């Protein structure tokens, strides 16, 4: 089903972006991400 493949692709993209963000911030695990690691857009 095309919609199922689309969702799988979207989840792959999110996982890749999360991996890159964690690498750039030095986080090795999700639990190492804190509010200080996040940026607010528009502030």
PDB file of N, CA and C in Angstrom:
ATOM      1  N   UNK A   1       0.841  -1.169   0.000  1.00  0.00           N
ATOM      2  CA  UNK A   1       0.000   0.000   0.000  1.00  0.00           C
ATOM      3  C   UNK A   1       0.898   1.248   0.000  1.00  0.00           C
ATOM      4  N   UNK A   2       0.582   2.203  -0.853  1.00  0.00           N
ATOM      5  CA  UNK A   2       1.409   3.400  -1.018  1.00  0.00           C
ATOM      6  C   UNK A   2       1.473   4.241   0.250  1.00  0.00           C
ATOM      7  N   UNK A   3       0.344   4.373   0.944  1.00  0.00           N
ATOM      8  CA  UNK A   3       0.342   5.206   2.145  1.00  0.00           C
ATOM      9  C   UNK A   3       1.226   4.591   3.243  1.00  0.00           C
ATOM     10  N   UNK A   4       1.255   3.283   3.323  1.00  0.00           N
ATOM     11  CA  UNK A   4       2.107   2.602   4.301  1.00  0.00           C
ATOM     12  C   UNK A   4       3.581   2.852   3.994  1.00  0.00           C
ATOM     13  N   UNK A   5       3.951   2.805   2.723  1.00  0.00           N
ATOM     14  CA  UNK A   5       5.332   3.095   2.331  1.00  0.00           C
ATOM     15  C   UNK A   5       5.686   4.548   2.626  1.00  0.00           C
ATOM     16  N   UNK A   6       4.710   5.437   2.421  1.00  0.00           N
ATOM     17  CA  UNK A   6       4.941   6.853   2.701  1.00  0.00           C
ATOM     18  C   UNK A   6       5.206   7.104   4.177  1.00  0.00           C
ATOM     19  N   UNK A   7       4.431   6.456   5.017  1.00  0.00           N
ATOM     20  CA  UNK A   7       4.626   6.602   6.469  1.00  0.00           C
ATOM     21  C   UNK A   7       5.973   6.016   6.874  1.00  0.00           C
ATOM     22  N   UNK A   8       6.323   4.871   6.343  1.00  0.00           N
ATOM     23  CA  UNK A   8       7.617   4.251   6.652  1.00  0.00           C
ATOM     24  C   UNK A   8       8.753   5.175   6.223  1.00  0.00           C
ATOM     25  N   UNK A   9       8.620   5.792   5.064  1.00  0.00           N
ATOM     26  CA  UNK A   9       9.645   6.720   4.575  1.00  0.00           C
ATOM     27  C   UNK A   9       9.746   7.936   5.502  1.00  0.00           C
ATOM     28  N   UNK A  10       8.609   8.482   5.915  1.00  0.00           N
ATOM     29  CA  UNK A  10       8.600   9.628   6.820  1.00  0.00           C
ATOM     30  C   UNK A  10       9.282   9.277   8.136  1.00  0.00           C
ATOM     31  N   UNK A  11       8.999   8.114   8.689  1.00  0.00           N
ATOM     32  CA  UNK A  11       9.633   7.700   9.939  1.00  0.00           C
ATOM     33  C   UNK A  11      11.139   7.521   9.768  1.00  0.00           C
ATOM     34  N   UNK A  12      11.559   7.024   8.619  1.00  0.00           N
ATOM     35  CA  UNK A  12      12.992   6.915   8.328  1.00  0.00           C
ATOM     36  C   UNK A  12      13.647   8.297   8.298  1.00  0.00           C
ATOM     37  N   UNK A  13      12.966   9.263   7.699  1.00  0.00           N
ATOM     38  CA  UNK A  13      13.497  10.629   7.643  1.00  0.00           C
ATOM     39  C   UNK A  13      13.610  11.230   9.039  1.00  0.00           C
ATOM     40  N   UNK A  14      12.589  11.050   9.855  1.00  0.00           N
ATOM     41  CA  UNK A  14      12.618  11.573  11.223  1.00  0.00           C
ATOM     42  C   UNK A  14      13.760  10.928  12.011  1.00  0.00           C
ATOM     43  N   UNK A  15      13.931   9.623  11.864  1.00  0.00           N
ATOM     44  CA  UNK A  15      15.011   8.925  12.563  1.00  0.00           C
ATOM     45  C   UNK A  15      16.372   9.443  12.119  1.00  0.00           C
ATOM     46  N   UNK A  16      16.537   9.684  10.835  1.00  0.00           N
ATOM     47  CA  UNK A  16      17.808  10.211  10.317  1.00  0.00           C
ATOM     48  C   UNK A  16      18.087  11.605  10.859  1.00  0.00           C
ATOM     49  N   UNK A  17      17.063  12.449  10.881  1.00  0.00           N
ATOM     50  CA  UNK A  17      17.222  13.812  11.402  1.00  0.00           C
ATOM     51  C   UNK A  17      17.557  13.787  12.894  1.00  0.00           C
ATOM     52  N   UNK A  18      16.911  12.897  13.625  1.00  0.00           N
ATOM     53  CA  UNK A  18      17.175  12.784  15.063  1.00  0.00           C
ATOM     54  C   UNK A  18      18.604  12.316  15.305  1.00  0.00           C
ATOM     55  N   UNK A  19      19.033  11.360  14.519  1.00  0.00           N
ATOM     56  CA  UNK A  19      20.405  10.847  14.625  1.00  0.00           C
ATOM     57  C   UNK A  19      21.417  11.960  14.365  1.00  0.00           C
ATOM     58  N   UNK A  20      21.169  12.758  13.333  1.00  0.00           N
ATOM     59  CA  UNK A  20      22.069  13.859  12.995  1.00  0.00           C
ATOM     60  C   UNK A  20      22.082  14.894  14.113  1.00  0.00           C
ATOM     61  N   UNK A  21      20.920  15.259  14.623  1.00  0.00           N
ATOM     62  CA  UNK A  21      20.838  16.244  15.705  1.00  0.00           C
ATOM     63  C   UNK A  21      21.565  15.744  16.948  1.00  0.00           C
ATOM     64  N   UNK A  22      21.409  14.466  17.254  1.00  0.00           N
ATOM     65  CA  UNK A  22      22.090  13.905  18.419  1.00  0.00           C
ATOM     66  C   UNK A  22      23.599  13.920  18.216  1.00  0.00           C
ATOM     67  N   UNK A  23      24.044  13.615  17.022  1.00  0.00           N
ATOM     68  CA  UNK A  23      25.475  13.649  16.727  1.00  0.00           C
ATOM     69  C   UNK A  23      26.025  15.065  16.893  1.00  0.00           C
ATOM     70  N   UNK A  24      25.312  16.038  16.377  1.00  0.00           N
ATOM     71  CA  UNK A  24      25.768  17.427  16.443  1.00  0.00           C
ATOM     72  C   UNK A  24      25.787  17.974  17.865  1.00  0.00           C
ATOM     73  N   UNK A  25      24.915  17.471  18.728  1.00  0.00           N
ATOM     74  CA  UNK A  25      24.866  17.954  20.111  1.00  0.00           C
ATOM     75  C   UNK A  25      25.683  17.084  21.059  1.00  0.00           C
ATOM     76  N   UNK A  26      26.212  15.977  20.550  1.00  0.00           N
ATOM     77  CA  UNK A  26      27.019  15.099  21.389  1.00  0.00           C
ATOM     78  C   UNK A  26      26.212  14.118  22.214  1.00  0.00           C
ATOM     79  N   UNK A  27      24.912  14.049  21.992  1.00  0.00           N
ATOM     80  CA  UNK A  27      24.071  13.117  22.744  1.00  0.00           C
ATOM     81  C   UNK A  27      24.228  11.716  22.177  1.00  0.00           C
ATOM     82  N   UNK A  28      24.472  10.761  23.072  1.00  0.00           N
ATOM     83  CA  UNK A  28      24.606   9.375  22.635  1.00  0.00           C
ATOM     84  C   UNK A  28      23.334   8.572  22.861  1.00  0.00           C
ATOM     85  N   UNK A  29      22.404   9.157  23.626  1.00  0.00           N
ATOM     86  CA  UNK A  29      21.133   8.498  23.915  1.00  0.00           C
ATOM     87  C   UNK A  29      20.052   9.564  24.059  1.00  0.00           C
ATOM     88  N   UNK A  30      18.810   9.191  23.810  1.00  0.00           N
ATOM     89  CA  UNK A  30      17.683  10.127  23.910  1.00  0.00           C
ATOM     90  C   UNK A  30      17.656  10.774  25.299  1.00  0.00           C
ATOM     91  N   UNK A  31      17.962   9.993  26.322  1.00  0.00           N
ATOM     92  CA  UNK A  31      17.938  10.504  27.686  1.00  0.00           C
ATOM     93  C   UNK A  31      18.939  11.609  27.956  1.00  0.00           C
ATOM     94  N   UNK A  32      19.915  11.772  27.097  1.00  0.00           N
ATOM     95  CA  UNK A  32      20.918  12.824  27.262  1.00  0.00           C
ATOM     96  C   UNK A  32      20.462  14.166  26.685  1.00  0.00           C
ATOM     97  N   UNK A  33      19.321  14.182  26.031  1.00  0.00           N
ATOM     98  CA  UNK A  33      18.805  15.421  25.445  1.00  0.00           C
ATOM     99  C   UNK A  33      18.034  16.168  26.528  1.00  0.00           C
ATOM    100  N   UNK A  34      18.392  17.440  26.718  1.00  0.00           N
ATOM    101  CA  UNK A  34      17.722  18.262  27.722  1.00  0.00           C
ATOM    102  C   UNK A  34      17.163  19.514  27.050  1.00  0.00           C
ATOM    103  N   UNK A  35      16.479  20.306  27.823  1.00  0.00           N
ATOM    104  CA  UNK A  35      15.939  21.564  27.287  1.00  0.00           C
ATOM    105  C   UNK A  35      17.049  22.451  26.740  1.00  0.00           C
ATOM    106  N   UNK A  36      18.221  22.382  27.338  1.00  0.00           N
ATOM    107  CA  UNK A  36      19.343  23.194  26.892  1.00  0.00           C
ATOM    108  C   UNK A  36      19.817  22.799  25.483  1.00  0.00           C
ATOM    109  N   UNK A  37      19.501  21.587  25.086  1.00  0.00           N
ATOM    110  CA  UNK A  37      19.895  21.096  23.749  1.00  0.00           C
ATOM    111  C   UNK A  37      18.953  21.596  22.668  1.00  0.00           C
ATOM    112  N   UNK A  38      17.789  22.088  23.067  1.00  0.00           N
ATOM    113  CA  UNK A  38      16.770  22.483  22.110  1.00  0.00           C
ATOM    114  C   UNK A  38      16.805  23.981  21.855  1.00  0.00           C
ATOM    115  N   UNK A  39      16.413  24.369  20.653  1.00  0.00           N
ATOM    116  CA  UNK A  39      16.343  25.776  20.296  1.00  0.00           C
ATOM    117  C   UNK A  39      14.890  26.124  19.977  1.00  0.00           C
ATOM    118  N   UNK A  40      14.477  27.288  20.383  1.00  0.00           N
ATOM    119  CA  UNK A  40      13.121  27.752  20.053  1.00  0.00           C
ATOM    120  C   UNK A  40      13.212  28.600  18.786  1.00  0.00           C
ATOM    121  N   UNK A  41      12.385  28.291  17.841  1.00  0.00           N
ATOM    122  CA  UNK A  41      12.368  29.027  16.579  1.00  0.00           C
ATOM    123  C   UNK A  41      11.576  30.311  16.772  1.00  0.00           C
ATOM    124  N   UNK A  42      12.123  31.416  16.315  1.00  0.00           N
ATOM    125  CA  UNK A  42      11.415  32.678  16.369  1.00  0.00           C
ATOM    126  C   UNK A  42      11.671  33.489  17.629  1.00  0.00           C
ATOM    127  N   UNK A  43      12.549  33.030  18.480  1.00  0.00           N
ATOM    128  CA  UNK A  43      12.845  33.800  19.697  1.00  0.00           C
ATOM    129  C   UNK A  43      14.238  34.351  19.648  1.00  0.00           C
TER     130      UNK A  43
END
